[in-house]
Amino acid sequence: MVADLSLDEAERVLEAAVDPDAHLMSDEWRAFVAIGSAFGAHDTVRHSRHEHVRGSVHANSAEGFNDRVRRTIADVFHHISPDHADLYSGGIGIRSAVAVFG
């Protein structure tokens, strides 16, 4: 569970969930830029310059998933408990994967 949008919290979550050898692709949020050096590689797209993809570098997968979670909460659940947000997002992720991959 993500407690807040601070640099410390972003670092805690990414260190726990992402392999340090991974190629991190993110937008230009300062926390991601600061944390990027802790990974095997880090590339950033600059939304402020209307850049959404540069070659194979993008943040579309994460942004698309977050958008699907927001739409599902608004359209289906209407409200979720912050205590169980990880369960809802996990369930939405499983349904998304089944819809895409069968």
C-alpha atoms as a PDB file:
ATOM      1  CA  MET A   1       0.000   0.000   0.000  1.00  0.00           C
ATOM      2  CA  VAL A   2       1.217   3.495  -0.848  1.00  0.00           C
ATOM      3  CA  ALA A   3       0.789   5.820   2.122  1.00  0.00           C
ATOM      4  CA  ASP A   4       1.470   9.166   0.423  1.00  0.00           C
ATOM      5  CA  LEU A   5       3.183  10.815  -2.561  1.00  0.00           C
ATOM      6  CA  SER A   6       6.459  11.648  -0.850  1.00  0.00           C
ATOM      7  CA  LEU A   7       9.921  10.785  -2.136  1.00  0.00           C
ATOM      8  CA  ASP A   8      10.517   8.496   0.856  1.00  0.00           C
ATOM      9  CA  GLU A   9       7.296   6.579   0.224  1.00  0.00           C
ATOM     10  CA  ALA A  10       7.978   6.237  -3.515  1.00  0.00           C
ATOM     11  CA  GLU A  11      11.457   4.949  -2.740  1.00  0.00           C
ATOM     12  CA  ARG A  12      10.106   2.450  -0.188  1.00  0.00           C
ATOM     13  CA  VAL A  13       7.479   1.101  -2.591  1.00  0.00           C
ATOM     14  CA  LEU A  14       9.796   0.839  -5.597  1.00  0.00           C
ATOM     15  CA  GLU A  15      12.577  -0.826  -3.608  1.00  0.00           C
ATOM     16  CA  ALA A  16      10.103  -3.414  -2.322  1.00  0.00           C
ATOM     17  CA  ALA A  17       8.410  -4.116  -5.651  1.00  0.00           C
ATOM     18  CA  VAL A  18      10.939  -3.543  -8.466  1.00  0.00           C
ATOM     19  CA  ASP A  19      14.117  -5.472  -9.243  1.00  0.00           C
ATOM     20  CA  PRO A  20      17.129  -3.148  -8.846  1.00  0.00           C
ATOM     21  CA  ASP A  21      18.413  -4.358 -12.255  1.00  0.00           C
ATOM     22  CA  ALA A  22      15.191  -3.262 -13.958  1.00  0.00           C
ATOM     23  CA  HIS A  23      14.955  -0.553 -16.590  1.00  0.00           C
ATOM     24  CA  LEU A  24      12.737   2.040 -14.928  1.00  0.00           C
ATOM     25  CA  MET A  25      10.648   4.127 -17.331  1.00  0.00           C
ATOM     26  CA  SER A  26       8.773   7.032 -15.808  1.00  0.00           C
ATOM     27  CA  ASP A  27       7.466  10.504 -16.301  1.00  0.00           C
ATOM     28  CA  GLU A  28       9.326  13.515 -14.952  1.00  0.00           C
ATOM     29  CA  TRP A  29       7.931  13.448 -11.414  1.00  0.00           C
ATOM     30  CA  ARG A  30      10.825  14.535  -9.162  1.00  0.00           C
ATOM     31  CA  ALA A  31      10.612  11.442  -6.960  1.00  0.00           C
ATOM     32  CA  PHE A  32      11.094   9.131  -9.962  1.00  0.00           C
ATOM     33  CA  VAL A  33      13.981  11.208 -11.280  1.00  0.00           C
ATOM     34  CA  ALA A  34      15.677  11.107  -7.859  1.00  0.00           C
ATOM     35  CA  ILE A  35      15.142   7.358  -7.430  1.00  0.00           C
ATOM     36  CA  GLY A  36      16.107   6.415 -11.001  1.00  0.00           C
ATOM     37  CA  SER A  37      19.819   6.074 -10.285  1.00  0.00           C
ATOM     38  CA  ALA A  38      19.082   3.136  -7.950  1.00  0.00           C
ATOM     39  CA  PHE A  39      18.032   0.964 -10.921  1.00  0.00           C
ATOM     40  CA  GLY A  40      19.874  -0.703 -13.777  1.00  0.00           C
ATOM     41  CA  ALA A  41      18.664   1.991 -16.170  1.00  0.00           C
ATOM     42  CA  HIS A  42      16.234   4.886 -16.022  1.00  0.00           C
ATOM     43  CA  ASP A  43      14.648   6.843 -18.843  1.00  0.00           C
ATOM     44  CA  THR A  44      12.096   9.599 -18.511  1.00  0.00           C
ATOM     45  CA  VAL A  45       9.455  10.942 -20.864  1.00  0.00           C
ATOM     46  CA  ARG A  46       8.702  14.627 -20.453  1.00  0.00           C
ATOM     47  CA  HIS A  47       4.954  15.215 -20.458  1.00  0.00           C
ATOM     48  CA  SER A  48       5.548  18.937 -19.870  1.00  0.00           C
ATOM     49  CA  ARG A  49       7.063  19.036 -23.370  1.00  0.00           C
ATOM     50  CA  HIS A  50       4.186  16.954 -24.787  1.00  0.00           C
ATOM     51  CA  GLU A  51       6.435  13.908 -25.021  1.00  0.00           C
ATOM     52  CA  HIS A  52       4.614  10.659 -24.290  1.00  0.00           C
ATOM     53  CA  VAL A  53       6.902   8.163 -25.990  1.00  0.00           C
ATOM     54  CA  ARG A  54      10.491   8.285 -27.210  1.00  0.00           C
ATOM     55  CA  GLY A  55      11.498   5.145 -29.062  1.00  0.00           C
ATOM     56  CA  SER A  56      10.770   2.308 -26.641  1.00  0.00           C
ATOM     57  CA  VAL A  57      10.634   4.622 -23.605  1.00  0.00           C
ATOM     58  CA  HIS A  58       7.148   5.340 -22.262  1.00  0.00           C
ATOM     59  CA  ALA A  59       5.066   5.268 -19.111  1.00  0.00           C
ATOM     60  CA  ASN A  60       1.891   4.220 -20.925  1.00  0.00           C
ATOM     61  CA  SER A  61       1.499   0.827 -19.234  1.00  0.00           C
ATOM     62  CA  ALA A  62       1.453   2.279 -15.729  1.00  0.00           C
ATOM     63  CA  GLU A  63      -0.675   5.263 -16.743  1.00  0.00           C
ATOM     64  CA  GLY A  64      -3.149   3.007 -18.569  1.00  0.00           C
ATOM     65  CA  PHE A  65      -3.476   0.710 -15.565  1.00  0.00           C
ATOM     66  CA  ASN A  66      -3.978   3.645 -13.194  1.00  0.00           C
ATOM     67  CA  ASP A  67      -6.648   5.035 -15.516  1.00  0.00           C
ATOM     68  CA  ARG A  68      -8.422   1.654 -15.591  1.00  0.00           C
ATOM     69  CA  VAL A  69      -8.397   1.519 -11.783  1.00  0.00           C
ATOM     70  CA  ARG A  70      -9.864   5.057 -11.543  1.00  0.00           C
ATOM     71  CA  ARG A  71     -12.595   4.290 -14.102  1.00  0.00           C
ATOM     72  CA  THR A  72     -13.509   0.992 -12.446  1.00  0.00           C
ATOM     73  CA  ILE A  73     -13.767   2.590  -9.011  1.00  0.00           C
ATOM     74  CA  ALA A  74     -15.922   5.436 -10.366  1.00  0.00           C
ATOM     75  CA  ASP A  75     -18.175   3.238 -12.529  1.00  0.00           C
ATOM     76  CA  VAL A  76     -18.424  -0.020 -10.570  1.00  0.00           C
ATOM     77  CA  PHE A  77     -17.487   0.408  -6.924  1.00  0.00           C
ATOM     78  CA  HIS A  78     -18.154   4.165  -6.544  1.00  0.00           C
ATOM     79  CA  HIS A  79     -16.027   4.162  -3.391  1.00  0.00           C
ATOM     80  CA  ILE A  80     -13.379   1.904  -1.904  1.00  0.00           C
ATOM     81  CA  SER A  81     -11.829   1.740   1.520  1.00  0.00           C
ATOM     82  CA  PRO A  82      -8.191   2.913   1.571  1.00  0.00           C
ATOM     83  CA  ASP A  83      -7.496  -0.087   3.820  1.00  0.00           C
ATOM     84  CA  HIS A  84      -8.425  -2.431   0.953  1.00  0.00           C
ATOM     85  CA  ALA A  85      -7.241  -0.421  -2.072  1.00  0.00           C
ATOM     86  CA  ASP A  86      -4.506  -2.964  -2.816  1.00  0.00           C
ATOM     87  CA  LEU A  87      -7.092  -5.748  -3.040  1.00  0.00           C
ATOM     88  CA  TYR A  88      -9.262  -3.754  -5.432  1.00  0.00           C
ATOM     89  CA  SER A  89      -6.335  -2.796  -7.680  1.00  0.00           C
ATOM     90  CA  GLY A  90      -5.103  -6.413  -7.680  1.00  0.00           C
ATOM     91  CA  GLY A  91      -8.539  -7.641  -8.721  1.00  0.00           C
ATOM     92  CA  ILE A  92      -8.777  -5.019 -11.445  1.00  0.00           C
ATOM     93  CA  GLY A  93      -5.326  -6.050 -12.673  1.00  0.00           C
ATOM     94  CA  ILE A  94      -6.335  -9.708 -12.878  1.00  0.00           C
ATOM     95  CA  ARG A  95      -9.528  -8.854 -14.792  1.00  0.00           C
ATOM     96  CA  SER A  96      -7.530  -6.635 -17.148  1.00  0.00           C
ATOM     97  CA  ALA A  97      -5.024  -9.386 -17.871  1.00  0.00           C
ATOM     98  CA  VAL A  98      -7.776 -11.920 -18.530  1.00  0.00           C
ATOM     99  CA  ALA A  99      -9.497  -9.483 -20.912  1.00  0.00           C
ATOM    100  CA  VAL A 100      -6.261  -8.907 -22.829  1.00  0.00           C
ATOM    101  CA  PHE A 101      -4.697 -12.367 -22.790  1.00  0.00           C
ATOM    102  CA  GLY A 102      -7.767 -14.556 -22.478  1.00  0.00           C
END
